[in-house]
Amino acid sequence: MLNALTVDVEEYFQVEAFRGRVPERDWTHLPSRVAASTRRLLDLFDRHQVRATFFVVGWVARRHPDLVREIAARGHEVGCHSDAHRPIYALGPDGFRRDLRAARAALEDAAGTAVAGYRAPTCSVVRTTWWALDILVEEGFRYDSSVFPIHHDRYGIPDAPRFPYRVRLDSGAEIVEFPMSTFRVAGQNLPFAGGGYFRLLPYPLVRRAIGHLNRREERPAMVYVHPWEVDPEQPRLPAGPLTRFRHYVNLDRTEAKLDRLLADFAFAPAARVLAALGFAEVAA
């Protein structure tokens, strides 16, 4: 079974937990590392002959248009990860639309291809920002991959469906949602397939969970990673103990762990996986 392989292309200093310590006005003064670490992932994917979806921040695309062109030229899908990596609930509807349009213009200019998929920073499509899906449809996006069906201090819709589904909006329009993967234990959805969860959990547990989804539930997994997660030499930023734990632990092990994962399972871009599941509109 094909699983979705995705990359959230952002700088190490754009993580939401650092926003109070690294304001946006300071971003241009910090050393950029996103191009080198993204190419590290591109080379890894080439070695395994797999393609992925790269959800790119518009701010990154404007500063590294050659990187976005390379992602597309190497056969990967380019998706949108916002313009300034601000969560939707910090923008409001008008701000979200402006952010979305700016990001999409930067991405399509650089890639030379249409952008169909969106992923919100910090998985910020939650109950209070459900209106964002209407705006995505109005702006021409065909699928979203932002909903995390778990409890978390920053995001999550615990009772949302766990696998890809069509969302019928109040307007009558529809959009396809490809949620983050969870493993169900004792009536609870547990995360495992990306970001800090992937870095911190033992690999045999991750392999078992994806195997369960593929073979027992006959569903694809949604795997996601950030370029900064394969960059253990990135500058250390001031942060509290919880943020340091979430952001820095096991950075030196992520690439090897991902290498094992790509050898153990089959992967493809999110749009291709959705099309294989019968959501033909994502490739329209």
Protein backbone atom coordinates (compact mmCIF):
# COMPACT_ATOMS: atom_id res chain seq x y z
CA MET A 1 0.00 0.00 0.00
CA LEU A 2 1.16 3.50 -0.81
CA ASN A 3 1.68 5.84 2.14
CA ALA A 4 1.94 9.61 1.88
CA LEU A 5 5.40 11.09 2.37
CA THR A 6 5.39 14.83 3.11
CA VAL A 7 7.89 17.53 4.07
CA ASP A 8 6.99 20.83 5.76
CA VAL A 9 9.63 23.14 4.31
CA GLU A 10 10.38 25.85 6.86
CA GLU A 11 13.41 27.35 8.55
CA TYR A 12 14.48 26.07 11.96
CA PHE A 13 13.62 29.45 13.49
CA GLN A 14 10.07 29.56 12.10
CA VAL A 15 8.73 26.95 14.50
CA GLU A 16 5.76 28.38 16.39
CA ALA A 17 7.32 27.65 19.77
CA PHE A 18 10.15 30.10 18.93
CA ARG A 19 7.87 32.93 17.75
CA GLY A 20 8.01 34.85 21.02
CA ARG A 21 11.80 34.65 21.05
CA VAL A 22 12.50 35.04 17.32
CA PRO A 23 10.07 37.62 15.89
CA GLU A 24 9.50 37.70 12.15
CA ARG A 25 11.43 40.97 11.78
CA ASP A 26 14.58 39.09 12.82
CA TRP A 27 14.24 36.19 10.36
CA THR A 28 16.39 37.78 7.67
CA HIS A 29 19.24 38.29 10.16
CA LEU A 30 19.54 34.61 11.05
CA PRO A 31 21.58 32.09 9.05
CA SER A 32 19.41 30.23 6.56
CA ARG A 33 19.77 26.45 6.59
CA VAL A 34 16.59 25.32 4.86
CA ALA A 35 18.04 24.84 1.36
CA ALA A 36 20.87 22.55 2.44
CA SER A 37 18.71 20.44 4.75
CA THR A 38 15.92 20.15 2.16
CA ARG A 39 18.42 18.97 -0.44
CA ARG A 40 19.61 16.41 2.08
CA LEU A 41 16.08 15.01 2.10
CA LEU A 42 15.83 15.21 -1.69
CA ASP A 43 18.99 13.14 -2.02
CA LEU A 44 17.70 10.59 0.50
CA PHE A 45 14.44 10.27 -1.43
CA ASP A 46 16.36 9.85 -4.68
CA ARG A 47 18.34 6.98 -3.18
CA HIS A 48 15.07 5.21 -2.40
CA GLN A 49 13.44 6.30 -5.68
CA VAL A 50 10.45 7.77 -3.86
CA ARG A 51 8.60 11.03 -4.42
CA ALA A 52 6.95 13.21 -1.80
CA THR A 53 4.84 16.32 -1.27
CA PHE A 54 6.83 19.35 -0.12
CA PHE A 55 4.56 21.84 1.66
CA VAL A 56 6.66 25.01 1.34
CA VAL A 57 6.37 28.28 3.26
CA GLY A 58 5.97 31.24 0.89
CA TRP A 59 8.62 33.24 2.77
CA VAL A 60 11.07 30.44 2.00
CA ALA A 61 9.99 30.27 -1.66
CA ARG A 62 10.69 33.96 -2.21
CA ARG A 63 14.19 33.64 -0.74
CA HIS A 64 15.01 30.30 -2.33
CA PRO A 65 13.02 30.05 -5.59
CA ASP A 66 15.74 27.80 -7.00
CA LEU A 67 15.01 25.29 -4.24
CA VAL A 68 11.30 25.19 -5.10
CA ARG A 69 12.15 24.76 -8.79
CA GLU A 70 14.48 21.91 -7.90
CA ILE A 71 11.81 20.18 -5.81
CA ALA A 72 9.42 20.25 -8.77
CA ALA A 73 12.13 19.32 -11.31
CA ARG A 74 13.06 16.26 -9.28
CA GLY A 75 9.49 14.97 -9.60
CA HIS A 76 7.95 15.97 -6.28
CA GLU A 77 4.63 17.66 -5.58
CA VAL A 78 4.77 21.25 -4.31
CA GLY A 79 2.15 22.20 -1.72
CA CYS A 80 1.47 25.30 0.37
CA HIS A 81 2.50 25.66 4.02
CA SER A 82 1.30 29.28 4.44
CA ASP A 83 3.26 32.44 3.71
CA ALA A 84 4.66 33.49 7.09
CA HIS A 85 4.16 30.26 9.06
CA ARG A 86 1.59 31.78 11.36
CA PRO A 87 -1.23 29.58 12.70
CA ILE A 88 -4.65 30.25 11.18
CA TYR A 89 -6.17 31.29 14.51
CA ALA A 90 -3.64 34.16 14.69
CA LEU A 91 -4.72 35.51 11.27
CA GLY A 92 -8.51 35.57 11.07
CA PRO A 93 -10.38 35.03 7.78
CA ASP A 94 -9.12 38.12 5.92
CA GLY A 95 -5.54 37.65 7.08
CA PHE A 96 -5.66 33.98 6.20
CA ARG A 97 -6.83 34.73 2.66
CA ARG A 98 -4.06 37.29 2.15
CA ASP A 99 -1.46 34.90 3.56
CA LEU A 100 -2.74 32.09 1.33
CA ARG A 101 -2.67 34.18 -1.84
CA ALA A 102 0.84 35.50 -1.18
CA ALA A 103 2.18 32.01 -0.52
CA ARG A 104 0.54 30.44 -3.53
CA ALA A 105 1.80 33.15 -5.87
CA ALA A 106 5.37 32.68 -4.63
CA LEU A 107 5.19 28.90 -4.92
CA GLU A 108 3.61 28.76 -8.37
CA ASP A 109 5.99 31.41 -9.71
CA ALA A 110 8.97 29.42 -8.50
CA ALA A 111 7.75 25.90 -9.31
CA GLY A 112 5.99 26.65 -12.58
CA THR A 113 3.20 24.28 -11.54
CA ALA A 114 -0.21 24.67 -9.93
CA VAL A 115 -0.51 24.10 -6.19
CA ALA A 116 -3.44 21.93 -5.10
CA GLY A 117 -2.65 21.00 -1.50
CA TYR A 118 -2.39 22.96 1.73
CA ARG A 119 -1.03 22.25 5.20
CA ALA A 120 -1.57 24.76 7.99
CA PRO A 121 1.28 25.73 10.30
CA THR A 122 0.96 23.97 13.67
CA CYS A 123 -1.93 21.87 12.26
CA SER A 124 -4.10 24.91 13.01
CA VAL A 125 -7.24 23.76 11.22
CA VAL A 126 -9.19 23.17 14.42
CA ARG A 127 -12.84 23.58 15.40
CA THR A 128 -12.51 27.34 15.82
CA THR A 129 -10.85 27.74 12.39
CA TRP A 130 -13.01 25.35 10.39
CA TRP A 131 -13.98 28.36 8.26
CA ALA A 132 -10.51 28.14 6.71
CA LEU A 133 -11.64 25.17 4.61
CA ASP A 134 -14.24 27.35 2.87
CA ILE A 135 -11.51 29.85 1.98
CA LEU A 136 -9.25 27.08 0.69
CA VAL A 137 -12.02 25.94 -1.67
CA GLU A 138 -12.74 29.51 -2.78
CA GLU A 139 -9.05 29.98 -3.56
CA GLY A 140 -8.93 26.81 -5.67
CA PHE A 141 -7.23 24.32 -3.35
CA ARG A 142 -8.39 20.74 -3.79
CA TYR A 143 -7.17 19.10 -0.60
CA ASP A 144 -6.03 19.96 2.90
CA SER A 145 -3.71 18.05 5.22
CA SER A 146 -3.92 19.95 8.49
CA VAL A 147 -6.30 18.13 10.80
CA PHE A 148 -4.74 16.12 13.61
CA PRO A 149 -7.33 13.87 15.33
CA ILE A 150 -5.65 14.03 18.75
CA HIS A 151 -5.62 16.07 21.98
CA HIS A 152 -2.74 18.57 22.08
CA ASP A 153 -2.01 21.89 23.76
CA ARG A 154 -1.75 23.73 20.39
CA TYR A 155 -3.91 21.79 17.93
CA GLY A 156 -6.15 18.80 17.35
CA ILE A 157 -9.74 17.69 16.70
CA PRO A 158 -9.84 14.42 18.68
CA ASP A 159 -13.08 13.10 17.17
CA ALA A 160 -12.23 13.91 13.54
CA PRO A 161 -12.00 10.98 11.09
CA ARG A 162 -8.60 9.30 11.11
CA PHE A 163 -8.29 8.63 7.38
CA PRO A 164 -8.84 10.64 4.15
CA TYR A 165 -12.39 11.89 3.67
CA ARG A 166 -14.43 14.51 1.86
CA VAL A 167 -15.57 17.47 3.92
CA ARG A 168 -18.92 18.89 2.86
CA LEU A 169 -18.99 22.54 3.84
CA ASP A 170 -21.98 24.70 4.74
CA SER A 171 -21.65 26.38 1.33
CA GLY A 172 -22.25 23.01 -0.34
CA ALA A 173 -18.68 22.85 -1.61
CA GLU A 174 -16.36 19.95 -0.79
CA ILE A 175 -12.68 19.57 -0.06
CA VAL A 176 -10.66 16.43 0.63
CA GLU A 177 -8.97 16.16 4.03
CA PHE A 178 -5.91 13.93 4.52
CA PRO A 179 -5.44 13.95 8.31
CA MET A 180 -2.27 13.19 10.22
CA SER A 181 -1.95 9.52 11.09
CA THR A 182 -2.81 8.07 14.48
CA PHE A 183 -2.76 4.65 16.11
CA ARG A 184 -5.82 3.84 18.18
CA VAL A 185 -5.19 2.39 21.65
CA ALA A 186 -7.79 1.98 24.41
CA GLY A 187 -10.18 4.34 22.66
CA GLN A 188 -7.56 7.08 22.19
CA ASN A 189 -5.82 8.31 19.04
CA LEU A 190 -2.06 8.37 19.50
CA PRO A 191 0.32 10.21 17.10
CA PHE A 192 3.44 8.49 15.80
CA ALA A 193 4.20 9.22 12.14
CA GLY A 194 5.88 12.59 11.99
CA GLY A 195 7.76 15.44 13.59
CA GLY A 196 8.70 15.03 17.22
CA TYR A 197 6.59 11.90 17.51
CA PHE A 198 8.64 10.17 14.83
CA ARG A 199 11.93 11.40 16.30
CA LEU A 200 11.14 10.45 19.89
CA LEU A 201 9.39 7.10 19.51
CA PRO A 202 11.39 3.88 19.01
CA TYR A 203 11.50 2.91 15.35
CA PRO A 204 10.02 -0.60 15.90
CA LEU A 205 6.92 1.04 17.36
CA VAL A 206 6.56 3.36 14.34
CA ARG A 207 7.06 0.45 11.95
CA ARG A 208 4.47 -1.62 13.79
CA ALA A 209 1.93 1.23 13.75
CA ILE A 210 2.28 1.86 10.00
CA GLY A 211 2.14 -1.87 9.36
CA HIS A 212 -1.07 -2.07 11.36
CA LEU A 213 -2.62 0.79 9.37
CA ASN A 214 -1.61 -0.78 6.04
CA ARG A 215 -2.44 -4.41 6.74
CA ARG A 216 -5.10 -4.49 9.45
CA GLU A 217 -6.99 -1.27 8.76
CA GLU A 218 -6.07 -1.23 5.04
CA ARG A 219 -5.38 2.49 5.14
CA PRO A 220 -2.39 4.66 4.20
CA ALA A 221 -0.23 6.49 6.70
CA MET A 222 0.56 10.19 6.49
CA VAL A 223 4.25 10.67 7.32
CA TYR A 224 5.71 14.15 7.71
CA VAL A 225 9.15 15.56 8.46
CA HIS A 226 10.79 19.00 8.57
CA PRO A 227 14.15 19.79 6.95
CA TRP A 228 15.50 21.10 10.26
CA GLU A 229 14.94 17.61 11.72
CA VAL A 230 17.88 16.27 9.69
CA ASP A 231 20.11 19.20 10.66
CA PRO A 232 21.68 18.47 14.06
CA GLU A 233 24.19 21.33 13.60
CA GLN A 234 21.50 24.03 13.44
CA PRO A 235 21.99 27.00 15.82
CA ARG A 236 20.46 26.46 19.26
CA LEU A 237 17.87 29.09 20.10
CA PRO A 238 16.85 30.13 23.62
CA ALA A 239 13.80 28.21 24.75
CA GLY A 240 12.16 26.57 27.72
CA PRO A 241 12.76 22.91 28.61
CA LEU A 242 9.62 21.58 26.88
CA THR A 243 10.44 23.35 23.60
CA ARG A 244 14.06 22.19 23.77
CA PHE A 245 12.85 18.63 24.27
CA ARG A 246 10.33 18.78 21.44
CA HIS A 247 12.66 20.48 18.97
CA TYR A 248 16.18 19.18 19.59
CA VAL A 249 16.02 15.61 20.89
CA ASN A 250 17.19 12.97 18.38
CA LEU A 251 18.00 15.39 15.54
CA ASP A 252 21.13 13.32 14.96
CA ARG A 253 19.05 10.17 14.44
CA THR A 254 16.22 11.35 12.21
CA GLU A 255 17.86 10.80 8.84
CA ALA A 256 18.89 7.22 9.63
CA LYS A 257 15.43 6.49 11.01
CA LEU A 258 13.79 7.91 7.91
CA ASP A 259 16.17 5.87 5.76
CA ARG A 260 14.87 2.69 7.45
CA LEU A 261 11.27 3.79 7.02
CA LEU A 262 11.67 4.39 3.29
CA ALA A 263 13.16 0.91 2.92
CA ASP A 264 10.34 -0.75 4.85
CA PHE A 265 7.26 0.84 3.23
CA ALA A 266 6.04 2.25 -0.09
CA PHE A 267 5.54 6.01 -0.37
CA ALA A 268 4.23 8.61 -2.81
CA PRO A 269 3.11 12.26 -2.79
CA ALA A 270 -0.13 13.00 -0.95
CA ALA A 271 -2.07 13.84 -4.13
CA ARG A 272 -1.09 10.55 -5.73
CA VAL A 273 -2.13 8.57 -2.65
CA LEU A 274 -5.47 10.37 -2.55
CA ALA A 275 -6.05 9.71 -6.26
CA ALA A 276 -5.32 6.00 -5.69
CA LEU A 277 -7.97 6.01 -2.96
CA GLY A 278 -10.57 7.35 -5.40
CA PHE A 279 -10.33 11.08 -4.68
CA ALA A 280 -9.84 11.86 -8.34
CA GLU A 281 -10.58 15.57 -7.86
CA VAL A 282 -7.20 16.21 -6.22
CA ALA A 283 -5.49 15.63 -9.58
CA ALA A 284 -8.08 17.52 -11.63
